[in-house]
Amino acid sequence: MKNRIPVVLLACGSFNPITNMHLRLFEVARDHLHQTGLYQVVEGIISPVSDSYGKKDLVASHHRVAMARLALQTSDWIRVDSWESEQAQWMETVKVLRYHHSELLRSSAKMEGPDSGKIPSASAALPQLKFLCGADVLQTFQTPNLWKDEHIREIVEKFGLVCVSRHGHDPKGYILDSPILQQFQHNIHLVREPIKNEISATYIRKALGQGQSVKYLLSDAVITYIRDHSLYTKDSAWKGRGKSS
């Protein structure tokens, strides 16, 4: 991995709750970037959205952050960051990327600052920050009034995209349909998920609400947390059991 470009992958979303599919995105994306021979993925960051996003059935951010931390107990390179979830207002994705980029700059400055004994370099070792998403997110770039063109441009030009395939989506077609994505397609990595993975948080919430098993779709620690805090279980057999939130 010597002389490769270090990369940090950032995924934004509700994570309501975090599923095994969310975690697989990171693993598949890392494998793909490593196989290019150009990159070394040094960190993955999961950034849950704030409560002000206002999505239906969105549980409180402290629960979603706690579940993400539990799901990541066995990962040695992915972490959850609570900054976005703690904001009073919903943050556009590009603003979350800007924040984490500034944090990378700050960390690099600390490592190469006067107290380190090192001479600051021209950010040679500063990791690239890339936005990790599924192909369904790439499709939403074309939804009128959902994304600002200047934000899409900044994301793909300044940061770059790592997009993992999803059944029923055509990421290459989405790129061809967008002048901005076409212009910066060299900075978009399309990753093929070799194993069809259609676990959705929407399905998970529905199954939990009906008292159905979600074992092996979520980590056991997350399932236990959901049960203990009676989340997503308005009509389920778990209602009333365990601790309340």
Protein backbone atom coordinates (compact mmCIF):
# COMPACT_ATOMS: atom_id res chain seq x y z
CA MET A 1 0.00 0.00 0.00
CA LYS A 2 3.08 2.25 -0.02
CA ASN A 3 2.87 5.36 -2.22
CA ARG A 4 -0.88 5.00 -2.61
CA ILE A 5 -3.29 7.91 -2.16
CA PRO A 6 -4.96 7.71 1.27
CA VAL A 7 -8.76 7.91 1.18
CA VAL A 8 -11.46 8.48 3.78
CA LEU A 9 -14.96 7.28 2.85
CA LEU A 10 -17.94 9.22 4.21
CA ALA A 11 -21.52 7.93 4.11
CA CYS A 12 -24.42 10.17 5.08
CA GLY A 13 -27.99 9.04 5.70
CA SER A 14 -30.70 8.28 8.21
CA PHE A 15 -29.32 4.88 9.36
CA ASN A 16 -32.77 4.24 10.76
CA PRO A 17 -31.65 1.66 11.80
CA ILE A 18 -28.17 0.83 10.53
CA THR A 19 -28.26 -2.46 8.57
CA ASN A 20 -25.67 -4.96 7.42
CA MET A 21 -26.10 -3.51 3.91
CA HIS A 22 -24.85 -0.13 5.11
CA LEU A 23 -21.70 -1.79 6.41
CA ARG A 24 -21.23 -3.86 3.26
CA LEU A 25 -21.10 -0.65 1.20
CA PHE A 26 -17.89 0.28 3.00
CA GLU A 27 -16.26 -3.11 2.59
CA VAL A 28 -17.09 -3.41 -1.12
CA ALA A 29 -15.98 0.17 -1.80
CA ARG A 30 -12.67 -0.36 0.02
CA ASP A 31 -11.96 -3.55 -1.93
CA HIS A 32 -12.66 -1.76 -5.20
CA LEU A 33 -10.41 1.21 -4.44
CA HIS A 34 -7.60 -1.06 -3.27
CA GLN A 35 -7.86 -3.12 -6.46
CA THR A 36 -7.25 -0.02 -8.58
CA GLY A 37 -3.70 0.01 -7.22
CA LEU A 38 -3.96 3.77 -6.66
CA TYR A 39 -5.66 4.14 -3.30
CA GLN A 40 -5.45 3.02 0.31
CA VAL A 41 -8.64 3.46 2.32
CA VAL A 42 -7.57 4.55 5.79
CA GLU A 43 -10.93 5.28 7.40
CA GLY A 44 -14.68 5.05 6.96
CA ILE A 45 -17.12 7.48 8.58
CA ILE A 46 -20.86 7.00 9.10
CA SER A 47 -22.68 10.29 9.63
CA PRO A 48 -26.34 9.96 10.72
CA VAL A 49 -28.64 12.83 9.80
CA SER A 50 -30.06 15.15 12.48
CA ASP A 51 -33.57 14.85 13.85
CA SER A 52 -34.55 18.04 12.01
CA TYR A 53 -34.47 16.08 8.74
CA GLY A 54 -38.07 15.30 9.64
CA LYS A 55 -38.35 11.96 7.85
CA LYS A 56 -41.32 9.79 8.80
CA ASP A 57 -40.54 7.15 11.46
CA LEU A 58 -37.11 8.70 12.13
CA VAL A 59 -36.12 7.77 15.68
CA ALA A 60 -34.10 10.18 17.81
CA SER A 61 -30.54 10.74 16.66
CA HIS A 62 -29.01 9.53 19.93
CA HIS A 63 -30.59 6.13 19.29
CA ARG A 64 -29.36 6.01 15.68
CA VAL A 65 -25.83 6.99 16.71
CA ALA A 66 -25.84 4.44 19.54
CA MET A 67 -26.99 1.67 17.18
CA ALA A 68 -24.30 2.60 14.65
CA ARG A 69 -21.63 2.42 17.34
CA LEU A 70 -22.87 -1.01 18.39
CA ALA A 71 -22.88 -2.22 14.78
CA LEU A 72 -19.29 -1.03 14.33
CA GLN A 73 -17.87 -2.74 17.42
CA THR A 74 -16.20 -5.35 15.22
CA SER A 75 -14.81 -2.89 12.64
CA ASP A 76 -11.24 -1.66 12.96
CA TRP A 77 -11.57 1.09 10.35
CA ILE A 78 -15.15 2.42 10.24
CA ARG A 79 -16.49 4.78 12.90
CA VAL A 80 -19.65 6.78 13.51
CA ASP A 81 -19.42 10.55 13.80
CA SER A 82 -22.20 12.36 15.67
CA TRP A 83 -21.48 15.92 14.49
CA GLU A 84 -24.16 16.03 11.79
CA SER A 85 -26.74 14.37 14.04
CA GLU A 86 -26.17 17.01 16.72
CA GLN A 87 -26.89 20.00 14.48
CA ALA A 88 -30.05 21.98 15.21
CA GLN A 89 -30.83 22.22 11.51
CA TRP A 90 -30.67 19.66 8.72
CA MET A 91 -27.29 19.86 6.99
CA GLU A 92 -26.92 19.51 3.24
CA THR A 93 -24.51 16.72 2.28
CA VAL A 94 -21.95 19.09 0.82
CA LYS A 95 -21.75 20.94 4.15
CA VAL A 96 -21.07 17.66 5.96
CA LEU A 97 -18.28 16.92 3.48
CA ARG A 98 -16.83 20.39 4.02
CA TYR A 99 -16.85 19.86 7.79
CA HIS A 100 -15.04 16.53 7.62
CA HIS A 101 -12.55 17.91 5.10
CA SER A 102 -11.73 20.75 7.50
CA GLU A 103 -11.30 18.15 10.28
CA LEU A 104 -8.83 16.23 8.11
CA LEU A 105 -6.92 19.46 7.48
CA ARG A 106 -6.87 20.21 11.21
CA SER A 107 -5.63 16.71 12.06
CA SER A 108 -2.91 16.97 9.42
CA ALA A 109 -1.81 20.36 10.75
CA LYS A 110 -1.54 18.94 14.27
CA MET A 111 0.58 16.03 13.05
CA GLU A 112 2.89 18.27 11.05
CA GLY A 113 2.81 21.34 13.26
CA PRO A 114 5.69 22.98 15.12
CA ASP A 115 5.28 20.72 18.15
CA SER A 116 5.69 17.56 16.09
CA GLY A 117 9.21 18.35 15.00
CA LYS A 118 8.16 17.83 11.38
CA ILE A 119 8.32 20.40 8.64
CA PRO A 120 4.77 20.93 7.31
CA SER A 121 4.45 19.51 3.81
CA ALA A 122 2.11 20.64 1.05
CA SER A 123 -0.62 18.30 2.34
CA ALA A 124 1.05 15.37 0.59
CA ALA A 125 -0.26 12.95 3.18
CA LEU A 126 -3.71 14.53 3.50
CA PRO A 127 -6.29 11.84 2.69
CA GLN A 128 -8.83 12.42 -0.03
CA LEU A 129 -12.38 12.55 1.32
CA LYS A 130 -14.89 10.74 -0.90
CA PHE A 131 -18.67 10.53 -0.63
CA LEU A 132 -19.81 6.92 -0.43
CA CYS A 133 -23.33 6.12 -1.59
CA GLY A 134 -25.55 3.59 -3.32
CA ALA A 135 -26.68 3.99 -6.92
CA ASP A 136 -30.11 5.06 -5.67
CA VAL A 137 -28.52 8.24 -4.30
CA LEU A 138 -26.88 8.94 -7.65
CA GLN A 139 -30.35 8.78 -9.20
CA THR A 140 -31.66 11.45 -6.81
CA PHE A 141 -29.22 13.97 -8.29
CA GLN A 142 -31.75 14.24 -11.13
CA THR A 143 -34.75 14.88 -8.86
CA PRO A 144 -35.88 18.49 -9.41
CA ASN A 145 -35.21 20.85 -6.48
CA LEU A 146 -33.67 18.12 -4.33
CA TRP A 147 -30.00 18.94 -4.97
CA LYS A 148 -28.45 22.26 -5.98
CA ASP A 149 -26.35 22.00 -9.14
CA GLU A 150 -23.48 23.83 -7.47
CA HIS A 151 -23.52 21.30 -4.63
CA ILE A 152 -23.46 18.34 -7.01
CA ARG A 153 -20.56 19.97 -8.84
CA GLU A 154 -18.61 20.56 -5.62
CA ILE A 155 -19.19 16.99 -4.42
CA VAL A 156 -17.95 15.34 -7.61
CA GLU A 157 -15.25 17.88 -8.50
CA LYS A 158 -13.68 18.62 -5.12
CA PHE A 159 -14.33 15.37 -3.24
CA GLY A 160 -15.37 12.58 -5.57
CA LEU A 161 -17.97 9.83 -5.42
CA VAL A 162 -17.76 6.13 -4.72
CA CYS A 163 -21.06 4.66 -5.88
CA VAL A 164 -22.00 1.03 -5.15
CA SER A 165 -24.43 -0.68 -7.54
CA ARG A 166 -27.97 -1.55 -6.45
CA HIS A 167 -30.48 -3.81 -8.18
CA GLY A 168 -32.79 -1.90 -10.51
CA HIS A 169 -30.46 1.08 -10.91
CA ASP A 170 -28.30 2.18 -13.84
CA PRO A 171 -25.49 4.40 -12.48
CA LYS A 172 -23.80 4.69 -15.88
CA GLY A 173 -27.08 5.92 -17.32
CA TYR A 174 -27.48 8.44 -14.49
CA ILE A 175 -24.05 9.83 -15.31
CA LEU A 176 -24.81 10.10 -19.02
CA ASP A 177 -28.06 11.94 -18.23
CA SER A 178 -26.28 14.59 -16.16
CA PRO A 179 -23.91 17.14 -17.75
CA ILE A 180 -22.23 17.75 -14.37
CA LEU A 181 -21.68 14.06 -13.65
CA GLN A 182 -20.45 13.53 -17.22
CA GLN A 183 -17.91 16.32 -16.87
CA PHE A 184 -16.44 14.85 -13.69
CA GLN A 185 -17.03 11.14 -14.31
CA HIS A 186 -13.28 10.59 -13.92
CA ASN A 187 -13.87 11.36 -10.22
CA ILE A 188 -16.77 8.91 -9.86
CA HIS A 189 -15.91 5.32 -8.96
CA LEU A 190 -18.64 2.85 -9.89
CA VAL A 191 -18.40 -0.23 -7.70
CA ARG A 192 -20.17 -3.48 -8.51
CA GLU A 193 -21.59 -5.33 -5.51
CA PRO A 194 -20.97 -9.00 -6.40
CA ILE A 195 -23.68 -10.26 -4.04
CA LYS A 196 -27.18 -8.87 -4.51
CA ASN A 197 -27.94 -7.00 -1.31
CA GLU A 198 -31.43 -5.54 -1.02
CA ILE A 199 -31.70 -5.09 2.74
CA SER A 200 -33.51 -1.81 3.32
CA ALA A 201 -34.11 0.05 6.56
CA THR A 202 -37.70 0.56 5.39
CA TYR A 203 -38.23 -3.21 5.26
CA ILE A 204 -36.53 -3.60 8.65
CA ARG A 205 -38.89 -1.09 10.27
CA LYS A 206 -41.91 -2.76 8.71
CA ALA A 207 -40.79 -6.22 9.83
CA LEU A 208 -40.13 -5.00 13.37
CA GLY A 209 -43.52 -3.31 13.48
CA GLN A 210 -45.12 -6.65 12.63
CA GLY A 211 -43.09 -8.56 15.19
CA GLN A 212 -41.09 -10.44 12.54
CA SER A 213 -37.48 -11.59 12.86
CA VAL A 214 -34.72 -9.37 11.51
CA LYS A 215 -31.87 -11.58 12.71
CA TYR A 216 -28.87 -11.61 10.31
CA LEU A 217 -30.14 -8.40 8.67
CA LEU A 218 -28.85 -6.30 11.57
CA SER A 219 -26.10 -7.02 14.04
CA ASP A 220 -27.24 -8.83 17.17
CA ALA A 221 -26.17 -5.88 19.32
CA VAL A 222 -28.42 -3.55 17.32
CA ILE A 223 -31.36 -5.97 17.55
CA THR A 224 -30.92 -6.11 21.33
CA TYR A 225 -30.78 -2.30 21.52
CA ILE A 226 -33.97 -1.96 19.47
CA ARG A 227 -35.75 -4.45 21.72
CA ASP A 228 -34.52 -2.88 24.94
CA HIS A 229 -35.61 0.60 23.86
CA SER A 230 -38.87 -0.50 22.17
CA LEU A 231 -37.94 1.13 18.85
CA TYR A 232 -39.88 0.60 15.60
CA THR A 233 -42.23 -1.75 17.47
CA LYS A 234 -45.52 0.09 17.86
CA ASP A 235 -47.55 -3.00 16.96
CA SER A 236 -45.00 -5.70 17.61
CA ALA A 237 -44.74 -8.41 20.23
CA TRP A 238 -41.78 -6.52 21.73
CA LYS A 239 -43.90 -3.56 22.79
CA GLY A 240 -43.66 -2.93 26.50
CA ARG A 241 -40.71 -5.22 27.04
CA GLY A 242 -37.32 -4.13 28.29
CA LYS A 243 -36.35 -0.59 29.17
CA SER A 244 -38.10 2.41 27.71
CA SER A 245 -36.18 5.22 26.12
